[in-house]
Amino acid sequence: MFFTPLLFNAMLTKVGMLPPLGNKMRILTEIVGVGSGLYLAMGLNCSIYPQIVPIDVSKLEPEI
């Protein structure tokens, strides 16, 4: 997630399409880079951390 905007900017700089500083398109480019990094990291984070936690049944409800 942290390196996606850097790689995106480096790629655009190498091609010669990175807008100059202070331009509105430069801000939009940064937002797209950060947004894509967050989008890619979200799927990875959801797959790494478990979504199901085992709970003992006796702790859920008292027996009738």
N, C-alpha and C. Protein backbone atom coordinates (compact mmCIF):
# COMPACT_ATOMS: atom_id res chain seq x y z
N MET A 1 0.82 -1.19 0.00
CA MET A 1 0.00 0.00 0.00
C MET A 1 0.87 1.25 0.00
N PHE A 2 1.99 1.20 0.73
CA PHE A 2 2.82 2.39 0.85
C PHE A 2 3.62 2.67 -0.42
N PHE A 3 3.93 1.63 -1.18
CA PHE A 3 4.79 1.80 -2.35
C PHE A 3 4.00 1.99 -3.64
N THR A 4 2.70 1.77 -3.62
CA THR A 4 1.90 1.90 -4.83
C THR A 4 1.92 3.32 -5.39
N PRO A 5 1.70 4.37 -4.57
CA PRO A 5 1.77 5.73 -5.14
C PRO A 5 3.16 6.07 -5.67
N LEU A 6 4.20 5.60 -4.99
CA LEU A 6 5.56 5.87 -5.46
C LEU A 6 5.83 5.21 -6.80
N LEU A 7 5.41 3.95 -6.93
CA LEU A 7 5.61 3.25 -8.19
C LEU A 7 4.78 3.89 -9.30
N PHE A 8 3.56 4.30 -8.96
CA PHE A 8 2.69 4.95 -9.94
C PHE A 8 3.32 6.25 -10.43
N ASN A 9 3.85 7.07 -9.51
CA ASN A 9 4.50 8.33 -9.89
C ASN A 9 5.79 8.08 -10.67
N ALA A 10 6.55 7.08 -10.26
CA ALA A 10 7.79 6.77 -10.98
C ALA A 10 7.49 6.31 -12.41
N MET A 11 6.43 5.53 -12.56
CA MET A 11 6.05 5.07 -13.90
C MET A 11 5.64 6.26 -14.78
N LEU A 12 4.83 7.16 -14.22
CA LEU A 12 4.40 8.33 -14.99
C LEU A 12 5.57 9.27 -15.29
N THR A 13 6.52 9.39 -14.38
CA THR A 13 7.69 10.23 -14.61
C THR A 13 8.55 9.66 -15.73
N LYS A 14 8.72 8.35 -15.74
CA LYS A 14 9.54 7.71 -16.77
C LYS A 14 8.92 7.88 -18.15
N VAL A 15 7.60 7.82 -18.22
CA VAL A 15 6.90 7.98 -19.49
C VAL A 15 6.83 9.47 -19.88
N GLY A 16 6.94 10.36 -18.88
CA GLY A 16 6.88 11.80 -19.14
C GLY A 16 5.48 12.36 -19.05
N MET A 17 4.59 11.67 -18.34
CA MET A 17 3.20 12.11 -18.24
C MET A 17 2.84 12.64 -16.86
N LEU A 18 3.79 12.76 -15.94
CA LEU A 18 3.48 13.27 -14.60
C LEU A 18 3.32 14.78 -14.67
N PRO A 19 2.18 15.31 -14.25
CA PRO A 19 1.96 16.77 -14.30
C PRO A 19 2.90 17.50 -13.34
N PRO A 20 3.13 18.79 -13.58
CA PRO A 20 4.02 19.56 -12.69
C PRO A 20 3.37 19.79 -11.32
N LEU A 21 4.21 20.15 -10.36
CA LEU A 21 3.72 20.43 -9.01
C LEU A 21 2.77 21.63 -9.03
N GLY A 22 1.74 21.56 -8.19
CA GLY A 22 0.79 22.65 -8.08
C GLY A 22 -0.36 22.55 -9.07
N ASN A 23 -0.28 21.61 -9.97
CA ASN A 23 -1.35 21.43 -10.95
C ASN A 23 -2.45 20.57 -10.35
N LYS A 24 -3.70 20.83 -10.75
CA LYS A 24 -4.82 20.04 -10.22
C LYS A 24 -4.74 18.59 -10.69
N MET A 25 -4.20 18.36 -11.85
CA MET A 25 -4.04 16.99 -12.34
C MET A 25 -3.01 16.22 -11.51
N ARG A 26 -2.04 16.92 -10.96
CA ARG A 26 -1.04 16.27 -10.09
C ARG A 26 -1.71 15.79 -8.81
N ILE A 27 -2.62 16.59 -8.26
CA ILE A 27 -3.35 16.19 -7.05
C ILE A 27 -4.23 14.99 -7.35
N LEU A 28 -4.90 15.02 -8.49
CA LEU A 28 -5.73 13.89 -8.90
C LEU A 28 -4.89 12.64 -9.11
N THR A 29 -3.70 12.80 -9.66
CA THR A 29 -2.79 11.66 -9.85
C THR A 29 -2.38 11.06 -8.50
N GLU A 30 -2.09 11.90 -7.54
CA GLU A 30 -1.74 11.42 -6.20
C GLU A 30 -2.91 10.69 -5.55
N ILE A 31 -4.11 11.23 -5.71
CA ILE A 31 -5.30 10.60 -5.13
C ILE A 31 -5.54 9.23 -5.75
N VAL A 32 -5.36 9.13 -7.06
CA VAL A 32 -5.53 7.84 -7.74
C VAL A 32 -4.48 6.85 -7.26
N GLY A 33 -3.25 7.30 -7.07
CA GLY A 33 -2.20 6.40 -6.57
C GLY A 33 -2.48 5.90 -5.17
N VAL A 34 -2.88 6.78 -4.29
CA VAL A 34 -3.20 6.38 -2.91
C VAL A 34 -4.44 5.51 -2.87
N GLY A 35 -5.45 5.87 -3.65
CA GLY A 35 -6.69 5.09 -3.69
C GLY A 35 -6.46 3.68 -4.21
N SER A 36 -5.63 3.55 -5.25
CA SER A 36 -5.35 2.20 -5.76
C SER A 36 -4.54 1.40 -4.75
N GLY A 37 -3.65 2.04 -4.00
CA GLY A 37 -2.91 1.34 -2.96
C GLY A 37 -3.81 0.84 -1.86
N LEU A 38 -4.77 1.66 -1.45
CA LEU A 38 -5.72 1.24 -0.43
C LEU A 38 -6.63 0.13 -0.95
N TYR A 39 -7.02 0.21 -2.21
CA TYR A 39 -7.88 -0.82 -2.80
C TYR A 39 -7.17 -2.16 -2.84
N LEU A 40 -5.89 -2.16 -3.20
CA LEU A 40 -5.13 -3.41 -3.25
C LEU A 40 -4.84 -3.94 -1.85
N ALA A 41 -4.58 -3.05 -0.90
CA ALA A 41 -4.25 -3.48 0.45
C ALA A 41 -5.47 -4.02 1.19
N MET A 42 -6.65 -3.56 0.87
CA MET A 42 -7.85 -4.01 1.57
C MET A 42 -8.09 -5.49 1.35
N GLY A 43 -7.98 -5.94 0.12
CA GLY A 43 -8.15 -7.37 -0.17
C GLY A 43 -7.10 -8.21 0.52
N LEU A 44 -5.88 -7.74 0.55
CA LEU A 44 -4.80 -8.48 1.21
C LEU A 44 -5.03 -8.54 2.72
N ASN A 45 -5.44 -7.44 3.32
CA ASN A 45 -5.70 -7.43 4.76
C ASN A 45 -6.85 -8.34 5.14
N CYS A 46 -7.90 -8.35 4.34
CA CYS A 46 -9.05 -9.23 4.63
C CYS A 46 -8.69 -10.69 4.47
N SER A 47 -7.76 -11.00 3.59
CA SER A 47 -7.39 -12.40 3.40
C SER A 47 -6.39 -12.88 4.46
N ILE A 48 -5.61 -11.98 5.03
CA ILE A 48 -4.61 -12.38 6.02
C ILE A 48 -5.25 -12.60 7.39
N TYR A 49 -6.06 -11.65 7.83
CA TYR A 49 -6.62 -11.73 9.16
C TYR A 49 -7.86 -12.61 9.16
N PRO A 50 -8.00 -13.48 10.15
CA PRO A 50 -9.15 -14.39 10.16
C PRO A 50 -10.46 -13.64 10.40
N GLN A 51 -11.50 -14.07 9.73
CA GLN A 51 -12.80 -13.44 9.86
C GLN A 51 -13.72 -14.23 10.79
N ILE A 52 -13.33 -15.43 11.16
CA ILE A 52 -14.14 -16.29 12.02
C ILE A 52 -13.34 -16.57 13.29
N VAL A 53 -13.97 -16.39 14.43
CA VAL A 53 -13.33 -16.64 15.72
C VAL A 53 -14.10 -17.75 16.41
N PRO A 54 -13.42 -18.81 16.82
CA PRO A 54 -14.13 -19.89 17.51
C PRO A 54 -14.60 -19.44 18.90
N ILE A 55 -15.86 -19.72 19.22
CA ILE A 55 -16.45 -19.37 20.51
C ILE A 55 -17.03 -20.65 21.12
N ASP A 56 -16.78 -20.83 22.38
CA ASP A 56 -17.33 -22.00 23.08
C ASP A 56 -18.84 -21.86 23.19
N VAL A 57 -19.57 -22.92 22.82
CA VAL A 57 -21.02 -22.87 22.79
C VAL A 57 -21.61 -22.65 24.19
N SER A 58 -20.95 -23.15 25.20
CA SER A 58 -21.49 -22.98 26.56
C SER A 58 -21.48 -21.53 27.01
N LYS A 59 -20.72 -20.68 26.36
CA LYS A 59 -20.67 -19.27 26.71
C LYS A 59 -21.71 -18.44 25.97
N LEU A 60 -22.39 -19.01 25.00
CA LEU A 60 -23.36 -18.25 24.20
C LEU A 60 -24.69 -18.04 24.91
N GLU A 61 -25.35 -19.13 25.28
CA GLU A 61 -26.65 -19.03 25.93
C GLU A 61 -26.72 -20.04 27.07
N PRO A 62 -27.46 -19.70 28.11
CA PRO A 62 -27.61 -20.67 29.20
C PRO A 62 -28.47 -21.85 28.73
N GLU A 63 -28.21 -23.00 29.31
CA GLU A 63 -28.97 -24.20 28.95
C GLU A 63 -30.40 -24.10 29.49
N ILE A 64 -31.33 -24.63 28.75
CA ILE A 64 -32.73 -24.58 29.17
C ILE A 64 -33.04 -25.82 29.96
